[in-house]
Amino acid sequence: MHTKPVENLTDHLKRIFSIATTASDENEAARVIGRAAAEIREGINAEKLECAAKLAGRITHRINNPLGAISGNAQLLARRLEKGGR
């Protein structure tokens, strides 16, 4: 199973440092570090998006519960008014 870089950032950075220090030249080391930075950014952005989606779901749930009660009561009231009673 492949883990995301941000799940264990310390180990990921240790691996990157190890690879970068054994690179044949500075350009290769820079490419390795650049790829690692991009992976970390992607992971962080994915986690941010996941958190935003969870928050949106919770907010929607909190709004929909009272709206459901209001809608139900409004329907009952409409039926009573149609019948001309209370």
PDB file of N, CA and C in Angstrom:
ATOM      1  N   MET A   1       0.845  -1.185   0.000  1.00  0.00           N
ATOM      2  CA  MET A   1       0.000   0.000   0.000  1.00  0.00           C
ATOM      3  C   MET A   1       0.887   1.245   0.000  1.00  0.00           C
ATOM      4  N   HIS A   2       0.603   2.168  -0.888  1.00  0.00           N
ATOM      5  CA  HIS A   2       1.376   3.402  -1.021  1.00  0.00           C
ATOM      6  C   HIS A   2       0.743   4.492  -0.168  1.00  0.00           C
ATOM      7  N   THR A   3       1.535   5.123   0.681  1.00  0.00           N
ATOM      8  CA  THR A   3       0.998   6.192   1.527  1.00  0.00           C
ATOM      9  C   THR A   3       1.285   7.534   0.893  1.00  0.00           C
ATOM     10  N   LYS A   4       0.451   8.493   1.221  1.00  0.00           N
ATOM     11  CA  LYS A   4       0.646   9.854   0.730  1.00  0.00           C
ATOM     12  C   LYS A   4       1.833  10.479   1.468  1.00  0.00           C
ATOM     13  N   PRO A   5       2.597  11.344   0.802  1.00  0.00           N
ATOM     14  CA  PRO A   5       3.749  11.969   1.454  1.00  0.00           C
ATOM     15  C   PRO A   5       3.399  12.690   2.742  1.00  0.00           C
ATOM     16  N   VAL A   6       2.238  13.301   2.811  1.00  0.00           N
ATOM     17  CA  VAL A   6       1.921  14.085   4.002  1.00  0.00           C
ATOM     18  C   VAL A   6       1.474  13.219   5.177  1.00  0.00           C
ATOM     19  N   GLU A   7       1.212  11.918   4.936  1.00  0.00           N
ATOM     20  CA  GLU A   7       0.818  11.043   6.037  1.00  0.00           C
ATOM     21  C   GLU A   7       1.971  10.832   7.001  1.00  0.00           C
ATOM     22  N   ASN A   8       3.188  10.762   6.476  1.00  0.00           N
ATOM     23  CA  ASN A   8       4.358  10.640   7.333  1.00  0.00           C
ATOM     24  C   ASN A   8       5.461  11.501   6.739  1.00  0.00           C
ATOM     25  N   LEU A   9       5.341  12.769   6.957  1.00  0.00           N
ATOM     26  CA  LEU A   9       6.222  13.754   6.325  1.00  0.00           C
ATOM     27  C   LEU A   9       7.685  13.555   6.708  1.00  0.00           C
ATOM     28  N   THR A  10       7.953  13.212   7.961  1.00  0.00           N
ATOM     29  CA  THR A  10       9.338  13.032   8.405  1.00  0.00           C
ATOM     30  C   THR A  10      10.025  11.923   7.618  1.00  0.00           C
ATOM     31  N   ASP A  11       9.367  10.767   7.505  1.00  0.00           N
ATOM     32  CA  ASP A  11       9.964   9.661   6.753  1.00  0.00           C
ATOM     33  C   ASP A  11      10.126  10.025   5.279  1.00  0.00           C
ATOM     34  N   HIS A  12       9.143  10.712   4.727  1.00  0.00           N
ATOM     35  CA  HIS A  12       9.214  11.129   3.324  1.00  0.00           C
ATOM     36  C   HIS A  12      10.407  12.061   3.112  1.00  0.00           C
ATOM     37  N   LEU A  13      10.587  13.012   4.005  1.00  0.00           N
ATOM     38  CA  LEU A  13      11.706  13.946   3.871  1.00  0.00           C
ATOM     39  C   LEU A  13      13.046  13.232   4.040  1.00  0.00           C
ATOM     40  N   LYS A  14      13.119  12.248   4.931  1.00  0.00           N
ATOM     41  CA  LYS A  14      14.353  11.473   5.103  1.00  0.00           C
ATOM     42  C   LYS A  14      14.707  10.721   3.829  1.00  0.00           C
ATOM     43  N   ARG A  15      13.687  10.113   3.178  1.00  0.00           N
ATOM     44  CA  ARG A  15      13.931   9.403   1.921  1.00  0.00           C
ATOM     45  C   ARG A  15      14.412  10.366   0.840  1.00  0.00           C
ATOM     46  N   ILE A  16      13.760  11.512   0.761  1.00  0.00           N
ATOM     47  CA  ILE A  16      14.150  12.505  -0.252  1.00  0.00           C
ATOM     48  C   ILE A  16      15.577  12.986  -0.011  1.00  0.00           C
ATOM     49  N   PHE A  17      15.925  13.252   1.242  1.00  0.00           N
ATOM     50  CA  PHE A  17      17.271  13.707   1.577  1.00  0.00           C
ATOM     51  C   PHE A  17      18.288  12.638   1.190  1.00  0.00           C
ATOM     52  N   SER A  18      17.946  11.389   1.475  1.00  0.00           N
ATOM     53  CA  SER A  18      18.843  10.284   1.133  1.00  0.00           C
ATOM     54  C   SER A  18      19.052  10.199  -0.374  1.00  0.00           C
ATOM     55  N   ILE A  19      17.981  10.303  -1.126  1.00  0.00           N
ATOM     56  CA  ILE A  19      18.084  10.236  -2.592  1.00  0.00           C
ATOM     57  C   ILE A  19      18.851  11.443  -3.126  1.00  0.00           C
ATOM     58  N   ALA A  20      18.554  12.621  -2.584  1.00  0.00           N
ATOM     59  CA  ALA A  20      19.200  13.850  -3.076  1.00  0.00           C
ATOM     60  C   ALA A  20      20.691  13.849  -2.790  1.00  0.00           C
ATOM     61  N   THR A  21      21.085  13.311  -1.638  1.00  0.00           N
ATOM     62  CA  THR A  21      22.513  13.322  -1.303  1.00  0.00           C
ATOM     63  C   THR A  21      23.308  12.298  -2.111  1.00  0.00           C
ATOM     64  N   THR A  22      22.640  11.309  -2.688  1.00  0.00           N
ATOM     65  CA  THR A  22      23.342  10.330  -3.525  1.00  0.00           C
ATOM     66  C   THR A  22      23.206  10.654  -5.008  1.00  0.00           C
ATOM     67  N   ALA A  23      22.605  11.793  -5.321  1.00  0.00           N
ATOM     68  CA  ALA A  23      22.427  12.194  -6.722  1.00  0.00           C
ATOM     69  C   ALA A  23      23.787  12.414  -7.368  1.00  0.00           C
ATOM     70  N   SER A  24      23.844  12.195  -8.668  1.00  0.00           N
ATOM     71  CA  SER A  24      25.118  12.301  -9.391  1.00  0.00           C
ATOM     72  C   SER A  24      25.592  13.745  -9.555  1.00  0.00           C
ATOM     73  N   ASP A  25      24.641  14.690  -9.565  1.00  0.00           N
ATOM     74  CA  ASP A  25      25.034  16.093  -9.676  1.00  0.00           C
ATOM     75  C   ASP A  25      23.946  16.984  -9.063  1.00  0.00           C
ATOM     76  N   GLU A  26      24.219  18.265  -9.025  1.00  0.00           N
ATOM     77  CA  GLU A  26      23.281  19.207  -8.406  1.00  0.00           C
ATOM     78  C   GLU A  26      21.952  19.275  -9.149  1.00  0.00           C
ATOM     79  N   ASN A  27      21.999  19.164 -10.468  1.00  0.00           N
ATOM     80  CA  ASN A  27      20.760  19.218 -11.242  1.00  0.00           C
ATOM     81  C   ASN A  27      19.841  18.054 -10.905  1.00  0.00           C
ATOM     82  N   GLU A  28      20.401  16.868 -10.778  1.00  0.00           N
ATOM     83  CA  GLU A  28      19.593  15.700 -10.418  1.00  0.00           C
ATOM     84  C   GLU A  28      19.020  15.862  -9.015  1.00  0.00           C
ATOM     85  N   ALA A  29      19.829  16.358  -8.105  1.00  0.00           N
ATOM     86  CA  ALA A  29      19.356  16.585  -6.738  1.00  0.00           C
ATOM     87  C   ALA A  29      18.221  17.613  -6.733  1.00  0.00           C
ATOM     88  N   ALA A  30      18.364  18.653  -7.525  1.00  0.00           N
ATOM     89  CA  ALA A  30      17.323  19.680  -7.601  1.00  0.00           C
ATOM     90  C   ALA A  30      16.028  19.099  -8.176  1.00  0.00           C
ATOM     91  N   ARG A  31      16.154  18.220  -9.169  1.00  0.00           N
ATOM     92  CA  ARG A  31      14.961  17.577  -9.750  1.00  0.00           C
ATOM     93  C   ARG A  31      14.270  16.693  -8.716  1.00  0.00           C
ATOM     94  N   VAL A  32      15.042  15.936  -7.947  1.00  0.00           N
ATOM     95  CA  VAL A  32      14.485  15.064  -6.913  1.00  0.00           C
ATOM     96  C   VAL A  32      13.743  15.897  -5.870  1.00  0.00           C
ATOM     97  N   ILE A  33      14.377  16.957  -5.428  1.00  0.00           N
ATOM     98  CA  ILE A  33      13.762  17.825  -4.413  1.00  0.00           C
ATOM     99  C   ILE A  33      12.529  18.521  -4.979  1.00  0.00           C
ATOM    100  N   GLY A  34      12.602  18.958  -6.227  1.00  0.00           N
ATOM    101  CA  GLY A  34      11.449  19.595  -6.868  1.00  0.00           C
ATOM    102  C   GLY A  34      10.262  18.651  -6.965  1.00  0.00           C
ATOM    103  N   ARG A  35      10.508  17.393  -7.376  1.00  0.00           N
ATOM    104  CA  ARG A  35       9.427  16.397  -7.446  1.00  0.00           C
ATOM    105  C   ARG A  35       8.830  16.144  -6.074  1.00  0.00           C
ATOM    106  N   ALA A  36       9.698  16.049  -5.062  1.00  0.00           N
ATOM    107  CA  ALA A  36       9.219  15.806  -3.699  1.00  0.00           C
ATOM    108  C   ALA A  36       8.354  16.964  -3.216  1.00  0.00           C
ATOM    109  N   ALA A  37       8.783  18.185  -3.495  1.00  0.00           N
ATOM    110  CA  ALA A  37       8.001  19.349  -3.088  1.00  0.00           C
ATOM    111  C   ALA A  37       6.641  19.353  -3.765  1.00  0.00           C
ATOM    112  N   ALA A  38       6.600  18.980  -5.053  1.00  0.00           N
ATOM    113  CA  ALA A  38       5.328  18.923  -5.777  1.00  0.00           C
ATOM    114  C   ALA A  38       4.417  17.859  -5.185  1.00  0.00           C
ATOM    115  N   GLU A  39       4.967  16.694  -4.824  1.00  0.00           N
ATOM    116  CA  GLU A  39       4.169  15.628  -4.209  1.00  0.00           C
ATOM    117  C   GLU A  39       3.576  16.095  -2.882  1.00  0.00           C
ATOM    118  N   ILE A  40       4.391  16.767  -2.101  1.00  0.00           N
ATOM    119  CA  ILE A  40       3.922  17.252  -0.794  1.00  0.00           C
ATOM    120  C   ILE A  40       2.826  18.293  -0.985  1.00  0.00           C
ATOM    121  N   ARG A  41       3.014  19.216  -1.929  1.00  0.00           N
ATOM    122  CA  ARG A  41       1.977  20.227  -2.200  1.00  0.00           C
ATOM    123  C   ARG A  41       0.674  19.568  -2.633  1.00  0.00           C
ATOM    124  N   GLU A  42       0.773  18.574  -3.526  1.00  0.00           N
ATOM    125  CA  GLU A  42      -0.426  17.868  -3.991  1.00  0.00           C
ATOM    126  C   GLU A  42      -1.134  17.182  -2.827  1.00  0.00           C
ATOM    127  N   GLY A  43      -0.360  16.553  -1.958  1.00  0.00           N
ATOM    128  CA  GLY A  43      -0.942  15.875  -0.806  1.00  0.00           C
ATOM    129  C   GLY A  43      -1.634  16.842   0.135  1.00  0.00           C
ATOM    130  N   ILE A  44      -0.991  17.964   0.379  1.00  0.00           N
ATOM    131  CA  ILE A  44      -1.582  18.977   1.265  1.00  0.00           C
ATOM    132  C   ILE A  44      -2.857  19.538   0.649  1.00  0.00           C
ATOM    133  N   ASN A  45      -2.818  19.819  -0.657  1.00  0.00           N
ATOM    134  CA  ASN A  45      -4.018  20.338  -1.333  1.00  0.00           C
ATOM    135  C   ASN A  45      -5.149  19.320  -1.296  1.00  0.00           C
ATOM    136  N   ALA A  46      -4.824  18.037  -1.462  1.00  0.00           N
ATOM    137  CA  ALA A  46      -5.850  16.991  -1.403  1.00  0.00           C
ATOM    138  C   ALA A  46      -6.473  16.933  -0.006  1.00  0.00           C
ATOM    139  N   GLU A  47      -5.632  17.057   1.023  1.00  0.00           N
ATOM    140  CA  GLU A  47      -6.148  17.038   2.392  1.00  0.00           C
ATOM    141  C   GLU A  47      -7.017  18.259   2.673  1.00  0.00           C
ATOM    142  N   LYS A  48      -6.623  19.412   2.155  1.00  0.00           N
ATOM    143  CA  LYS A  48      -7.433  20.620   2.323  1.00  0.00           C
ATOM    144  C   LYS A  48      -8.800  20.448   1.670  1.00  0.00           C
ATOM    145  N   LEU A  49      -8.793  19.894   0.457  1.00  0.00           N
ATOM    146  CA  LEU A  49     -10.037  19.667  -0.263  1.00  0.00           C
ATOM    147  C   LEU A  49     -10.926  18.677   0.487  1.00  0.00           C
ATOM    148  N   GLU A  50     -10.323  17.625   1.017  1.00  0.00           N
ATOM    149  CA  GLU A  50     -11.088  16.637   1.781  1.00  0.00           C
ATOM    150  C   GLU A  50     -11.708  17.271   3.024  1.00  0.00           C
ATOM    151  N   CYS A  51     -10.949  18.093   3.722  1.00  0.00           N
ATOM    152  CA  CYS A  51     -11.471  18.783   4.917  1.00  0.00           C
ATOM    153  C   CYS A  51     -12.601  19.745   4.544  1.00  0.00           C
ATOM    154  N   ALA A  52     -12.437  20.472   3.442  1.00  0.00           N
ATOM    155  CA  ALA A  52     -13.482  21.401   3.005  1.00  0.00           C
ATOM    156  C   ALA A  52     -14.763  20.648   2.655  1.00  0.00           C
ATOM    157  N   ALA A  53     -14.619  19.487   2.013  1.00  0.00           N
ATOM    158  CA  ALA A  53     -15.795  18.699   1.656  1.00  0.00           C
ATOM    159  C   ALA A  53     -16.509  18.185   2.908  1.00  0.00           C
ATOM    160  N   LYS A  54     -15.741  17.737   3.903  1.00  0.00           N
ATOM    161  CA  LYS A  54     -16.344  17.273   5.157  1.00  0.00           C
ATOM    162  C   LYS A  54     -17.069  18.417   5.855  1.00  0.00           C
ATOM    163  N   LEU A  55     -16.442  19.579   5.889  1.00  0.00           N
ATOM    164  CA  LEU A  55     -17.055  20.741   6.526  1.00  0.00           C
ATOM    165  C   LEU A  55     -18.345  21.130   5.805  1.00  0.00           C
ATOM    166  N   ALA A  56     -18.312  21.136   4.484  1.00  0.00           N
ATOM    167  CA  ALA A  56     -19.513  21.470   3.710  1.00  0.00           C
ATOM    168  C   ALA A  56     -20.635  20.475   4.001  1.00  0.00           C
ATOM    169  N   GLY A  57     -20.296  19.206   4.119  1.00  0.00           N
ATOM    170  CA  GLY A  57     -21.296  18.196   4.447  1.00  0.00           C
ATOM    171  C   GLY A  57     -21.917  18.415   5.810  1.00  0.00           C
ATOM    172  N   ARG A  58     -21.082  18.758   6.777  1.00  0.00           N
ATOM    173  CA  ARG A  58     -21.597  19.016   8.131  1.00  0.00           C
ATOM    174  C   ARG A  58     -22.488  20.255   8.163  1.00  0.00           C
ATOM    175  N   ILE A  59     -22.068  21.301   7.464  1.00  0.00           N
ATOM    176  CA  ILE A  59     -22.867  22.526   7.429  1.00  0.00           C
ATOM    177  C   ILE A  59     -24.210  22.261   6.751  1.00  0.00           C
ATOM    178  N   THR A  60     -24.169  21.523   5.643  1.00  0.00           N
ATOM    179  CA  THR A  60     -25.403  21.186   4.934  1.00  0.00           C
ATOM    180  C   THR A  60     -26.347  20.408   5.843  1.00  0.00           C
ATOM    181  N   HIS A  61     -25.795  19.453   6.566  1.00  0.00           N
ATOM    182  CA  HIS A  61     -26.618  18.657   7.479  1.00  0.00           C
ATOM    183  C   HIS A  61     -27.239  19.542   8.564  1.00  0.00           C
ATOM    184  N   ARG A  62     -26.438  20.448   9.119  1.00  0.00           N
ATOM    185  CA  ARG A  62     -26.934  21.340  10.182  1.00  0.00           C
ATOM    186  C   ARG A  62     -28.022  22.278   9.666  1.00  0.00           C
ATOM    187  N   ILE A  63     -27.952  22.678   8.419  1.00  0.00           N
ATOM    188  CA  ILE A  63     -28.964  23.569   7.842  1.00  0.00           C
ATOM    189  C   ILE A  63     -30.211  22.783   7.451  1.00  0.00           C
ATOM    190  N   ASN A  64     -30.014  21.599   6.876  1.00  0.00           N
ATOM    191  CA  ASN A  64     -31.152  20.829   6.382  1.00  0.00           C
ATOM    192  C   ASN A  64     -32.058  20.294   7.490  1.00  0.00           C
ATOM    193  N   ASN A  65     -31.516  19.984   8.649  1.00  0.00           N
ATOM    194  CA  ASN A  65     -32.361  19.468   9.732  1.00  0.00           C
ATOM    195  C   ASN A  65     -33.455  20.461  10.124  1.00  0.00           C
ATOM    196  N   PRO A  66     -33.142  21.703  10.459  1.00  0.00           N
ATOM    197  CA  PRO A  66     -34.214  22.650  10.799  1.00  0.00           C
ATOM    198  C   PRO A  66     -35.128  22.949   9.611  1.00  0.00           C
ATOM    199  N   LEU A  67     -34.557  22.994   8.404  1.00  0.00           N
ATOM    200  CA  LEU A  67     -35.387  23.256   7.233  1.00  0.00           C
ATOM    201  C   LEU A  67     -36.403  22.135   7.015  1.00  0.00           C
ATOM    202  N   GLY A  68     -36.015  20.910   7.302  1.00  0.00           N
ATOM    203  CA  GLY A  68     -36.947  19.795   7.190  1.00  0.00           C
ATOM    204  C   GLY A  68     -38.113  19.940   8.152  1.00  0.00           C
ATOM    205  N   ALA A  69     -37.810  20.343   9.375  1.00  0.00           N
ATOM    206  CA  ALA A  69     -38.870  20.549  10.368  1.00  0.00           C
ATOM    207  C   ALA A  69     -39.785  21.708   9.950  1.00  0.00           C
ATOM    208  N   ILE A  70     -39.196  22.787   9.482  1.00  0.00           N
ATOM    209  CA  ILE A  70     -39.989  23.942   9.037  1.00  0.00           C
ATOM    210  C   ILE A  70     -40.876  23.545   7.861  1.00  0.00           C
ATOM    211  N   SER A  71     -40.324  22.816   6.909  1.00  0.00           N
ATOM    212  CA  SER A  71     -41.091  22.389   5.745  1.00  0.00           C
ATOM    213  C   SER A  71     -42.249  21.481   6.148  1.00  0.00           C
ATOM    214  N   GLY A  72     -41.983  20.539   7.032  1.00  0.00           N
ATOM    215  CA  GLY A  72     -43.035  19.644   7.497  1.00  0.00           C
ATOM    216  C   GLY A  72     -44.159  20.393   8.187  1.00  0.00           C
ATOM    217  N   ASN A  73     -43.814  21.320   9.060  1.00  0.00           N
ATOM    218  CA  ASN A  73     -44.825  22.120   9.749  1.00  0.00           C
ATOM    219  C   ASN A  73     -45.601  23.016   8.788  1.00  0.00           C
ATOM    220  N   ALA A  74     -44.916  23.545   7.783  1.00  0.00           N
ATOM    221  CA  ALA A  74     -45.589  24.384   6.790  1.00  0.00           C
ATOM    222  C   ALA A  74     -46.595  23.557   5.988  1.00  0.00           C
ATOM    223  N   GLN A  75     -46.247  22.328   5.663  1.00  0.00           N
ATOM    224  CA  GLN A  75     -47.164  21.452   4.932  1.00  0.00           C
ATOM    225  C   GLN A  75     -48.391  21.122   5.781  1.00  0.00           C
ATOM    226  N   LEU A  76     -48.164  20.827   7.068  1.00  0.00           N
ATOM    227  CA  LEU A  76     -49.295  20.561   7.964  1.00  0.00           C
ATOM    228  C   LEU A  76     -50.213  21.769   8.061  1.00  0.00           C
ATOM    229  N   LEU A  77     -49.624  22.946   8.202  1.00  0.00           N
ATOM    230  CA  LEU A  77     -50.407  24.171   8.289  1.00  0.00           C
ATOM    231  C   LEU A  77     -51.211  24.395   7.006  1.00  0.00           C
ATOM    232  N   ALA A  78     -50.587  24.151   5.855  1.00  0.00           N
ATOM    233  CA  ALA A  78     -51.265  24.327   4.571  1.00  0.00           C
ATOM    234  C   ALA A  78     -52.465  23.383   4.467  1.00  0.00           C
ATOM    235  N   ARG A  79     -52.301  22.166   4.903  1.00  0.00           N
ATOM    236  CA  ARG A  79     -53.412  21.203   4.861  1.00  0.00           C
ATOM    237  C   ARG A  79     -54.560  21.646   5.770  1.00  0.00           C
ATOM    238  N   ARG A  80     -54.211  22.115   6.945  1.00  0.00           N
ATOM    239  CA  ARG A  80     -55.252  22.577   7.876  1.00  0.00           C
ATOM    240  C   ARG A  80     -55.992  23.784   7.321  1.00  0.00           C
ATOM    241  N   LEU A  81     -55.243  24.689   6.700  1.00  0.00           N
ATOM    242  CA  LEU A  81     -55.876  25.879   6.124  1.00  0.00           C
ATOM    243  C   LEU A  81     -56.774  25.499   4.943  1.00  0.00           C
ATOM    244  N   GLU A  82     -56.373  24.493   4.165  1.00  0.00           N
ATOM    245  CA  GLU A  82     -57.212  24.036   3.053  1.00  0.00           C
ATOM    246  C   GLU A  82     -58.536  23.465   3.542  1.00  0.00           C
ATOM    247  N   LYS A  83     -58.455  22.807   4.697  1.00  0.00           N
ATOM    248  CA  LYS A  83     -59.678  22.204   5.271  1.00  0.00           C
ATOM    249  C   LYS A  83     -60.532  23.259   5.990  1.00  0.00           C
ATOM    250  N   GLY A  84     -59.974  24.408   6.165  1.00  0.00           N
ATOM    251  CA  GLY A  84     -60.700  25.494   6.824  1.00  0.00           C
ATOM    252  C   GLY A  84     -60.719  25.364   8.349  1.00  0.00           C
ATOM    253  N   GLY A  85     -59.930  24.501   8.864  1.00  0.00           N
ATOM    254  CA  GLY A  85     -59.900  24.305  10.317  1.00  0.00           C
ATOM    255  C   GLY A  85     -58.607  24.763  10.918  1.00  0.00           C
ATOM    256  N   ARG A  86     -58.484  24.415  12.161  1.00  0.00           N
ATOM    257  CA  ARG A  86     -57.269  24.767  12.894  1.00  0.00           C
ATOM    258  C   ARG A  86     -56.373  23.597  13.071  1.00  0.00           C
TER     259      ARG A  86
END
